[in-house]
């Protein structure tokens, strides 16, 4: 792991610094997007369920088929919790 960290500022700002921290932020946004897709909303025009499942596969290493949004979201959630425990949080 590189020198990644999550910095929490006094005024409420949060900075994800380093490659692993940025991947953590990306995974959190993916989790939210999958939740939106599961209820029928599109986060952006070009982001489809197929793309979401492909991105989830990047984190989990598992292949997902159409309709497995809930399983993909749960697996990404596990990855997020593992990374949150591995990346230090500094408060300024």
PDB file of N, CA and C in Angstrom:
ATOM      1  N   UNK A   1       0.847  -1.171   0.000  1.00  0.00           N
ATOM      2  CA  UNK A   1       0.000   0.000   0.000  1.00  0.00           C
ATOM      3  C   UNK A   1       0.896   1.239   0.000  1.00  0.00           C
ATOM      4  N   UNK A   2       0.490   2.249  -0.717  1.00  0.00           N
ATOM      5  CA  UNK A   2       1.261   3.486  -0.782  1.00  0.00           C
ATOM      6  C   UNK A   2       0.959   4.348   0.445  1.00  0.00           C
ATOM      7  N   UNK A   3       1.357   5.582   0.414  1.00  0.00           N
ATOM      8  CA  UNK A   3       1.157   6.507   1.528  1.00  0.00           C
ATOM      9  C   UNK A   3      -0.227   7.146   1.467  1.00  0.00           C
ATOM     10  N   UNK A   4      -1.243   6.368   1.275  1.00  0.00           N
ATOM     11  CA  UNK A   4      -2.603   6.884   1.194  1.00  0.00           C
ATOM     12  C   UNK A   4      -3.128   7.215   2.579  1.00  0.00           C
ATOM     13  N   UNK A   5      -4.022   8.199   2.597  1.00  0.00           N
ATOM     14  CA  UNK A   5      -4.661   8.572   3.854  1.00  0.00           C
ATOM     15  C   UNK A   5      -5.948   9.334   3.554  1.00  0.00           C
ATOM     16  N   UNK A   6      -6.790   9.400   4.554  1.00  0.00           N
ATOM     17  CA  UNK A   6      -8.005  10.198   4.470  1.00  0.00           C
ATOM     18  C   UNK A   6      -7.838  11.317   5.483  1.00  0.00           C
ATOM     19  N   UNK A   7      -7.871  12.550   5.013  1.00  0.00           N
ATOM     20  CA  UNK A   7      -7.720  13.715   5.892  1.00  0.00           C
ATOM     21  C   UNK A   7      -9.085  14.338   6.135  1.00  0.00           C
ATOM     22  N   UNK A   8      -9.427  14.501   7.406  1.00  0.00           N
ATOM     23  CA  UNK A   8     -10.682  15.142   7.785  1.00  0.00           C
ATOM     24  C   UNK A   8     -10.336  16.490   8.405  1.00  0.00           C
ATOM     25  N   UNK A   9     -10.821  17.549   7.801  1.00  0.00           N
ATOM     26  CA  UNK A   9     -10.510  18.896   8.265  1.00  0.00           C
ATOM     27  C   UNK A   9     -11.537  19.380   9.286  1.00  0.00           C
ATOM     28  N   UNK A  10     -11.149  20.359  10.084  1.00  0.00           N
ATOM     29  CA  UNK A  10     -12.036  20.899  11.119  1.00  0.00           C
ATOM     30  C   UNK A  10     -13.326  21.467  10.549  1.00  0.00           C
ATOM     31  N   UNK A  11     -13.234  22.073   9.354  1.00  0.00           N
ATOM     32  CA  UNK A  11     -14.426  22.686   8.758  1.00  0.00           C
ATOM     33  C   UNK A  11     -15.332  21.675   8.057  1.00  0.00           C
ATOM     34  N   UNK A  12     -15.001  20.382   8.153  1.00  0.00           N
ATOM     35  CA  UNK A  12     -15.864  19.356   7.586  1.00  0.00           C
ATOM     36  C   UNK A  12     -15.406  18.811   6.249  1.00  0.00           C
ATOM     37  N   UNK A  13     -14.367  19.367   5.671  1.00  0.00           N
ATOM     38  CA  UNK A  13     -13.857  18.872   4.397  1.00  0.00           C
ATOM     39  C   UNK A  13     -13.139  17.541   4.563  1.00  0.00           C
ATOM     40  N   UNK A  14     -13.211  16.720   3.543  1.00  0.00           N
ATOM     41  CA  UNK A  14     -12.540  15.425   3.559  1.00  0.00           C
ATOM     42  C   UNK A  14     -11.705  15.316   2.299  1.00  0.00           C
ATOM     43  N   UNK A  15     -10.451  14.890   2.453  1.00  0.00           N
ATOM     44  CA  UNK A  15      -9.551  14.701   1.316  1.00  0.00           C
ATOM     45  C   UNK A  15      -9.087  13.253   1.279  1.00  0.00           C
ATOM     46  N   UNK A  16      -9.221  12.622   0.127  1.00  0.00           N
ATOM     47  CA  UNK A  16      -8.725  11.270  -0.088  1.00  0.00           C
ATOM     48  C   UNK A  16      -7.395  11.415  -0.815  1.00  0.00           C
ATOM     49  N   UNK A  17      -6.289  11.155  -0.119  1.00  0.00           N
ATOM     50  CA  UNK A  17      -4.953  11.411  -0.637  1.00  0.00           C
ATOM     51  C   UNK A  17      -4.250  10.087  -0.922  1.00  0.00           C
ATOM     52  N   UNK A  18      -3.781   9.917  -2.140  1.00  0.00           N
ATOM     53  CA  UNK A  18      -3.071   8.695  -2.523  1.00  0.00           C
ATOM     54  C   UNK A  18      -3.955   7.753  -3.333  1.00  0.00           C
ATOM     55  N   UNK A  19      -3.308   6.847  -4.036  1.00  0.00           N
ATOM     56  CA  UNK A  19      -4.027   5.957  -4.960  1.00  0.00           C
ATOM     57  C   UNK A  19      -5.042   5.059  -4.257  1.00  0.00           C
ATOM     58  N   UNK A  20      -4.667   4.469  -3.132  1.00  0.00           N
ATOM     59  CA  UNK A  20      -5.602   3.585  -2.432  1.00  0.00           C
ATOM     60  C   UNK A  20      -6.790   4.357  -1.873  1.00  0.00           C
ATOM     61  N   UNK A  21      -6.547   5.547  -1.374  1.00  0.00           N
ATOM     62  CA  UNK A  21      -7.637   6.367  -0.835  1.00  0.00           C
ATOM     63  C   UNK A  21      -8.589   6.798  -1.944  1.00  0.00           C
ATOM     64  N   UNK A  22      -8.043   7.125  -3.108  1.00  0.00           N
ATOM     65  CA  UNK A  22      -8.897   7.504  -4.231  1.00  0.00           C
ATOM     66  C   UNK A  22      -9.735   6.310  -4.684  1.00  0.00           C
ATOM     67  N   UNK A  23      -9.155   5.113  -4.687  1.00  0.00           N
ATOM     68  CA  UNK A  23      -9.925   3.916  -5.023  1.00  0.00           C
ATOM     69  C   UNK A  23     -11.019   3.656  -3.997  1.00  0.00           C
ATOM     70  N   UNK A  24     -10.755   3.974  -2.734  1.00  0.00           N
ATOM     71  CA  UNK A  24     -11.780   3.852  -1.700  1.00  0.00           C
ATOM     72  C   UNK A  24     -12.942   4.798  -1.995  1.00  0.00           C
ATOM     73  N   UNK A  25     -12.628   6.048  -2.326  1.00  0.00           N
ATOM     74  CA  UNK A  25     -13.677   7.017  -2.668  1.00  0.00           C
ATOM     75  C   UNK A  25     -14.472   6.539  -3.882  1.00  0.00           C
ATOM     76  N   UNK A  26     -13.762   6.044  -4.899  1.00  0.00           N
ATOM     77  CA  UNK A  26     -14.419   5.548  -6.115  1.00  0.00           C
ATOM     78  C   UNK A  26     -15.365   4.385  -5.784  1.00  0.00           C
ATOM     79  N   UNK A  27     -14.937   3.495  -4.896  1.00  0.00           N
ATOM     80  CA  UNK A  27     -15.774   2.361  -4.505  1.00  0.00           C
ATOM     81  C   UNK A  27     -17.013   2.834  -3.748  1.00  0.00           C
ATOM     82  N   UNK A  28     -16.859   3.863  -2.930  1.00  0.00           N
ATOM     83  CA  UNK A  28     -18.023   4.399  -2.204  1.00  0.00           C
ATOM     84  C   UNK A  28     -19.040   5.007  -3.171  1.00  0.00           C
ATOM     85  N   UNK A  29     -18.543   5.693  -4.192  1.00  0.00           N
ATOM     86  CA  UNK A  29     -19.451   6.255  -5.192  1.00  0.00           C
ATOM     87  C   UNK A  29     -20.108   5.139  -6.013  1.00  0.00           C
ATOM     88  N   UNK A  30     -19.372   4.090  -6.302  1.00  0.00           N
ATOM     89  CA  UNK A  30     -19.930   2.934  -7.015  1.00  0.00           C
ATOM     90  C   UNK A  30     -21.037   2.285  -6.198  1.00  0.00           C
ATOM     91  N   UNK A  31     -20.825   2.156  -4.891  1.00  0.00           N
ATOM     92  CA  UNK A  31     -21.850   1.580  -4.015  1.00  0.00           C
ATOM     93  C   UNK A  31     -23.137   2.396  -4.089  1.00  0.00           C
ATOM     94  N   UNK A  32     -23.016   3.713  -4.071  1.00  0.00           N
ATOM     95  CA  UNK A  32     -24.194   4.581  -4.171  1.00  0.00           C
ATOM     96  C   UNK A  32     -24.863   4.464  -5.535  1.00  0.00           C
ATOM     97  N   UNK A  33     -24.054   4.393  -6.585  1.00  0.00           N
ATOM     98  CA  UNK A  33     -24.604   4.277  -7.941  1.00  0.00           C
ATOM     99  C   UNK A  33     -25.349   2.956  -8.120  1.00  0.00           C
ATOM    100  N   UNK A  34     -24.805   1.875  -7.573  1.00  0.00           N
ATOM    101  CA  UNK A  34     -25.483   0.577  -7.678  1.00  0.00           C
ATOM    102  C   UNK A  34     -26.818   0.619  -6.940  1.00  0.00           C
ATOM    103  N   UNK A  35     -26.838   1.287  -5.802  1.00  0.00           N
ATOM    104  CA  UNK A  35     -28.093   1.413  -5.045  1.00  0.00           C
ATOM    105  C   UNK A  35     -29.133   2.176  -5.864  1.00  0.00           C
ATOM    106  N   UNK A  36     -28.691   3.238  -6.552  1.00  0.00           N
ATOM    107  CA  UNK A  36     -29.607   3.994  -7.408  1.00  0.00           C
ATOM    108  C   UNK A  36     -30.117   3.136  -8.566  1.00  0.00           C
ATOM    109  N   UNK A  37     -29.219   2.410  -9.207  1.00  0.00           N
ATOM    110  CA  UNK A  37     -29.607   1.558 -10.331  1.00  0.00           C
ATOM    111  C   UNK A  37     -30.601   0.480  -9.898  1.00  0.00           C
ATOM    112  N   UNK A  38     -30.433  -0.026  -8.690  1.00  0.00           N
ATOM    113  CA  UNK A  38     -31.310  -1.088  -8.197  1.00  0.00           C
ATOM    114  C   UNK A  38     -32.757  -0.636  -8.050  1.00  0.00           C
ATOM    115  N   UNK A  39     -32.955   0.664  -7.822  1.00  0.00           N
ATOM    116  CA  UNK A  39     -34.328   1.170  -7.677  1.00  0.00           C
ATOM    117  C   UNK A  39     -34.838   1.823  -8.954  1.00  0.00           C
ATOM    118  N   UNK A  40     -34.030   1.760 -10.030  1.00  0.00           N
ATOM    119  CA  UNK A  40     -34.494   2.251 -11.316  1.00  0.00           C
ATOM    120  C   UNK A  40     -34.009   3.635 -11.717  1.00  0.00           C
ATOM    121  N   UNK A  41     -33.109   4.214 -10.944  1.00  0.00           N
ATOM    122  CA  UNK A  41     -32.566   5.533 -11.280  1.00  0.00           C
ATOM    123  C   UNK A  41     -31.202   5.370 -11.947  1.00  0.00           C
ATOM    124  N   UNK A  42     -30.894   6.273 -12.873  1.00  0.00           N
ATOM    125  CA  UNK A  42     -29.576   6.270 -13.510  1.00  0.00           C
ATOM    126  C   UNK A  42     -28.757   7.408 -12.920  1.00  0.00           C
ATOM    127  N   UNK A  43     -27.600   7.105 -12.351  1.00  0.00           N
ATOM    128  CA  UNK A  43     -26.763   8.167 -11.788  1.00  0.00           C
ATOM    129  C   UNK A  43     -26.331   9.193 -12.841  1.00  0.00           C
ATOM    130  N   UNK A  44     -25.962   8.727 -14.017  1.00  0.00           N
ATOM    131  CA  UNK A  44     -25.654   9.593 -15.152  1.00  0.00           C
ATOM    132  C   UNK A  44     -26.186   8.909 -16.404  1.00  0.00           C
ATOM    133  N   UNK A  45     -26.258   9.633 -17.474  1.00  0.00           N
ATOM    134  CA  UNK A  45     -26.832   9.098 -18.707  1.00  0.00           C
ATOM    135  C   UNK A  45     -26.070   7.890 -19.236  1.00  0.00           C
ATOM    136  N   UNK A  46     -24.751   7.913 -19.137  1.00  0.00           N
ATOM    137  CA  UNK A  46     -23.958   6.837 -19.713  1.00  0.00           C
ATOM    138  C   UNK A  46     -23.645   5.687 -18.780  1.00  0.00           C
ATOM    139  N   UNK A  47     -24.012   5.810 -17.514  1.00  0.00           N
ATOM    140  CA  UNK A  47     -23.674   4.774 -16.543  1.00  0.00           C
ATOM    141  C   UNK A  47     -24.798   3.760 -16.463  1.00  0.00           C
ATOM    142  N   UNK A  48     -24.534   2.548 -16.939  1.00  0.00           N
ATOM    143  CA  UNK A  48     -25.547   1.505 -16.984  1.00  0.00           C
ATOM    144  C   UNK A  48     -25.246   0.443 -15.936  1.00  0.00           C
ATOM    145  N   UNK A  49     -26.198  -0.454 -15.753  1.00  0.00           N
ATOM    146  CA  UNK A  49     -25.996  -1.567 -14.827  1.00  0.00           C
ATOM    147  C   UNK A  49     -24.833  -2.442 -15.280  1.00  0.00           C
ATOM    148  N   UNK A  50     -24.684  -2.608 -16.581  1.00  0.00           N
ATOM    149  CA  UNK A  50     -23.578  -3.410 -17.117  1.00  0.00           C
ATOM    150  C   UNK A  50     -22.232  -2.797 -16.734  1.00  0.00           C
ATOM    151  N   UNK A  51     -22.111  -1.480 -16.851  1.00  0.00           N
ATOM    152  CA  UNK A  51     -20.868  -0.803 -16.475  1.00  0.00           C
ATOM    153  C   UNK A  51     -20.634  -0.881 -14.967  1.00  0.00           C
ATOM    154  N   UNK A  52     -21.698  -0.781 -14.200  1.00  0.00           N
ATOM    155  CA  UNK A  52     -21.574  -0.873 -12.743  1.00  0.00           C
ATOM    156  C   UNK A  52     -21.079  -2.250 -12.328  1.00  0.00           C
ATOM    157  N   UNK A  53     -21.601  -3.278 -12.952  1.00  0.00           N
ATOM    158  CA  UNK A  53     -21.170  -4.634 -12.617  1.00  0.00           C
ATOM    159  C   UNK A  53     -19.718  -4.868 -13.030  1.00  0.00           C
ATOM    160  N   UNK A  54     -19.317  -4.280 -14.141  1.00  0.00           N
ATOM    161  CA  UNK A  54     -17.924  -4.398 -14.579  1.00  0.00           C
ATOM    162  C   UNK A  54     -16.991  -3.691 -13.593  1.00  0.00           C
ATOM    163  N   UNK A  55     -17.397  -2.521 -13.109  1.00  0.00           N
ATOM    164  CA  UNK A  55     -16.582  -1.805 -12.124  1.00  0.00           C
ATOM    165  C   UNK A  55     -16.519  -2.577 -10.813  1.00  0.00           C
ATOM    166  N   UNK A  56     -17.631  -3.165 -10.405  1.00  0.00           N
ATOM    167  CA  UNK A  56     -17.637  -3.961  -9.175  1.00  0.00           C
ATOM    168  C   UNK A  56     -16.687  -5.151  -9.308  1.00  0.00           C
ATOM    169  N   UNK A  57     -16.608  -5.721 -10.498  1.00  0.00           N
ATOM    170  CA  UNK A  57     -15.700  -6.841 -10.742  1.00  0.00           C
ATOM    171  C   UNK A  57     -14.250  -6.424 -10.560  1.00  0.00           C
ATOM    172  N   UNK A  58     -13.922  -5.168 -10.879  1.00  0.00           N
ATOM    173  CA  UNK A  58     -12.559  -4.667 -10.689  1.00  0.00           C
ATOM    174  C   UNK A  58     -12.153  -4.719  -9.214  1.00  0.00           C
ATOM    175  N   UNK A  59     -13.090  -4.480  -8.317  1.00  0.00           N
ATOM    176  CA  UNK A  59     -12.789  -4.476  -6.888  1.00  0.00           C
ATOM    177  C   UNK A  59     -12.845  -5.864  -6.276  1.00  0.00           C
ATOM    178  N   UNK A  60     -13.812  -6.660  -6.693  1.00  0.00           N
ATOM    179  CA  UNK A  60     -14.036  -7.937  -6.028  1.00  0.00           C
ATOM    180  C   UNK A  60     -13.357  -9.114  -6.717  1.00  0.00           C
ATOM    181  N   UNK A  61     -13.072  -8.981  -8.000  1.00  0.00           N
ATOM    182  CA  UNK A  61     -12.484 -10.091  -8.738  1.00  0.00           C
ATOM    183  C   UNK A  61     -13.500 -11.141  -9.149  1.00  0.00           C
ATOM    184  N   UNK A  62     -14.770 -10.891  -8.899  1.00  0.00           N
ATOM    185  CA  UNK A  62     -15.837 -11.826  -9.272  1.00  0.00           C
ATOM    186  C   UNK A  62     -16.546 -11.315 -10.523  1.00  0.00           C
ATOM    187  N   UNK A  63     -17.025 -12.243 -11.323  1.00  0.00           N
ATOM    188  CA  UNK A  63     -17.806 -11.878 -12.505  1.00  0.00           C
ATOM    189  C   UNK A  63     -19.284 -11.847 -12.115  1.00  0.00           C
ATOM    190  N   UNK A  64     -19.978 -10.801 -12.538  1.00  0.00           N
ATOM    191  CA  UNK A  64     -21.398 -10.655 -12.228  1.00  0.00           C
ATOM    192  C   UNK A  64     -22.204 -10.696 -13.515  1.00  0.00           C
ATOM    193  N   UNK A  65     -23.376 -11.303 -13.411  1.00  0.00           N
ATOM    194  CA  UNK A  65     -24.290 -11.349 -14.549  1.00  0.00           C
ATOM    195  C   UNK A  65     -25.386 -10.310 -14.323  1.00  0.00           C
ATOM    196  N   UNK A  66     -26.111 -10.039 -15.405  1.00  0.00           N
ATOM    197  CA  UNK A  66     -27.209  -9.080 -15.327  1.00  0.00           C
ATOM    198  C   UNK A  66     -28.159  -9.466 -14.196  1.00  0.00           C
ATOM    199  N   UNK A  67     -28.579  -8.499 -13.430  1.00  0.00           N
ATOM    200  CA  UNK A  67     -29.517  -8.743 -12.345  1.00  0.00           C
ATOM    201  C   UNK A  67     -28.865  -9.025 -11.002  1.00  0.00           C
ATOM    202  N   UNK A  68     -27.547  -9.010 -10.942  1.00  0.00           N
ATOM    203  CA  UNK A  68     -26.856  -9.298  -9.689  1.00  0.00           C
ATOM    204  C   UNK A  68     -26.359  -8.020  -9.012  1.00  0.00           C
ATOM    205  N   UNK A  69     -27.124  -6.958  -9.127  1.00  0.00           N
ATOM    206  CA  UNK A  69     -26.725  -5.684  -8.530  1.00  0.00           C
ATOM    207  C   UNK A  69     -26.613  -5.775  -7.012  1.00  0.00           C
ATOM    208  N   UNK A  70     -27.532  -6.460  -6.368  1.00  0.00           N
ATOM    209  CA  UNK A  70     -27.511  -6.555  -4.906  1.00  0.00           C
ATOM    210  C   UNK A  70     -26.272  -7.313  -4.433  1.00  0.00           C
ATOM    211  N   UNK A  71     -25.935  -8.388  -5.125  1.00  0.00           N
ATOM    212  CA  UNK A  71     -24.753  -9.163  -4.758  1.00  0.00           C
ATOM    213  C   UNK A  71     -23.481  -8.337  -4.973  1.00  0.00           C
ATOM    214  N   UNK A  72     -23.422  -7.621  -6.092  1.00  0.00           N
ATOM    215  CA  UNK A  72     -22.261  -6.780  -6.381  1.00  0.00           C
ATOM    216  C   UNK A  72     -22.116  -5.686  -5.333  1.00  0.00           C
ATOM    217  N   UNK A  73     -23.224  -5.087  -4.945  1.00  0.00           N
ATOM    218  CA  UNK A  73     -23.173  -4.019  -3.935  1.00  0.00           C
ATOM    219  C   UNK A  73     -22.688  -4.563  -2.600  1.00  0.00           C
ATOM    220  N   UNK A  74     -23.143  -5.737  -2.218  1.00  0.00           N
ATOM    221  CA  UNK A  74     -22.714  -6.345  -0.959  1.00  0.00           C
ATOM    222  C   UNK A  74     -21.215  -6.662  -0.988  1.00  0.00           C
ATOM    223  N   UNK A  75     -20.729  -7.163  -2.117  1.00  0.00           N
ATOM    224  CA  UNK A  75     -19.312  -7.487  -2.236  1.00  0.00           C
ATOM    225  C   UNK A  75     -18.444  -6.228  -2.220  1.00  0.00           C
ATOM    226  N   UNK A  76     -18.897  -5.169  -2.867  1.00  0.00           N
ATOM    227  CA  UNK A  76     -18.169  -3.898  -2.843  1.00  0.00           C
ATOM    228  C   UNK A  76     -18.166  -3.340  -1.421  1.00  0.00           C
ATOM    229  N   UNK A  77     -19.259  -3.520  -0.719  1.00  0.00           N
ATOM    230  CA  UNK A  77     -19.357  -3.067   0.676  1.00  0.00           C
ATOM    231  C   UNK A  77     -18.289  -3.750   1.540  1.00  0.00           C
ATOM    232  N   UNK A  78     -18.083  -5.040   1.339  1.00  0.00           N
ATOM    233  CA  UNK A  78     -17.052  -5.770   2.083  1.00  0.00           C
ATOM    234  C   UNK A  78     -15.675  -5.197   1.757  1.00  0.00           C
ATOM    235  N   UNK A  79     -15.421  -4.915   0.484  1.00  0.00           N
ATOM    236  CA  UNK A  79     -14.143  -4.340   0.063  1.00  0.00           C
ATOM    237  C   UNK A  79     -13.931  -2.972   0.708  1.00  0.00           C
ATOM    238  N   UNK A  80     -14.981  -2.176   0.753  1.00  0.00           N
ATOM    239  CA  UNK A  80     -14.898  -0.840   1.354  1.00  0.00           C
ATOM    240  C   UNK A  80     -14.529  -0.937   2.826  1.00  0.00           C
ATOM    241  N   UNK A  81     -15.184  -1.819   3.559  1.00  0.00           N
ATOM    242  CA  UNK A  81     -14.893  -1.953   4.987  1.00  0.00           C
ATOM    243  C   UNK A  81     -13.458  -2.405   5.225  1.00  0.00           C
ATOM    244  N   UNK A  82     -12.960  -3.288   4.373  1.00  0.00           N
ATOM    245  CA  UNK A  82     -11.571  -3.745   4.506  1.00  0.00           C
ATOM    246  C   UNK A  82     -10.603  -2.591   4.274  1.00  0.00           C
ATOM    247  N   UNK A  83     -10.867  -1.778   3.260  1.00  0.00           N
ATOM    248  CA  UNK A  83      -9.977  -0.657   2.958  1.00  0.00           C
ATOM    249  C   UNK A  83     -10.078   0.446   4.013  1.00  0.00           C
ATOM    250  N   UNK A  84     -11.269   0.668   4.550  1.00  0.00           N
ATOM    251  CA  UNK A  84     -11.420   1.691   5.586  1.00  0.00           C
ATOM    252  C   UNK A  84     -10.591   1.342   6.823  1.00  0.00           C
ATOM    253  N   UNK A  85     -10.474   0.059   7.112  1.00  0.00           N
ATOM    254  CA  UNK A  85      -9.681  -0.334   8.272  1.00  0.00           C
ATOM    255  C   UNK A  85      -8.184  -0.287   7.975  1.00  0.00           C
ATOM    256  N   UNK A  86      -7.796  -0.321   6.694  1.00  0.00           N
ATOM    257  CA  UNK A  86      -6.391  -0.331   6.331  1.00  0.00           C
ATOM    258  C   UNK A  86      -5.818   1.067   6.091  1.00  0.00           C
ATOM    259  N   UNK A  87      -6.644   2.020   5.720  1.00  0.00           N
ATOM    260  CA  UNK A  87      -6.166   3.366   5.388  1.00  0.00           C
ATOM    261  C   UNK A  87      -6.303   4.266   6.618  1.00  0.00           C
ATOM    262  N   UNK A  88      -5.220   4.918   7.008  1.00  0.00           N
ATOM    263  CA  UNK A  88      -5.289   5.785   8.204  1.00  0.00           C
ATOM    264  C   UNK A  88      -6.117   7.046   7.943  1.00  0.00           C
ATOM    265  N   UNK A  89      -6.766   7.499   9.000  1.00  0.00           N
ATOM    266  CA  UNK A  89      -7.560   8.731   8.954  1.00  0.00           C
ATOM    267  C   UNK A  89      -6.867   9.742   9.857  1.00  0.00           C
ATOM    268  N   UNK A  90      -6.537  10.893   9.287  1.00  0.00           N
ATOM    269  CA  UNK A  90      -5.925  11.949  10.097  1.00  0.00           C
ATOM    270  C   UNK A  90      -6.897  13.112  10.210  1.00  0.00           C
ATOM    271  N   UNK A  91      -7.014  13.612  11.410  1.00  0.00           N
ATOM    272  CA  UNK A  91      -7.915  14.743  11.654  1.00  0.00           C
ATOM    273  C   UNK A  91      -7.082  15.985  11.883  1.00  0.00           C
ATOM    274  N   UNK A  92      -7.427  17.052  11.179  1.00  0.00           N
ATOM    275  CA  UNK A  92      -6.665  18.306  11.273  1.00  0.00           C
ATOM    276  C   UNK A  92      -7.525  19.408  11.832  1.00  0.00           C
TER     277      UNK A  92
END
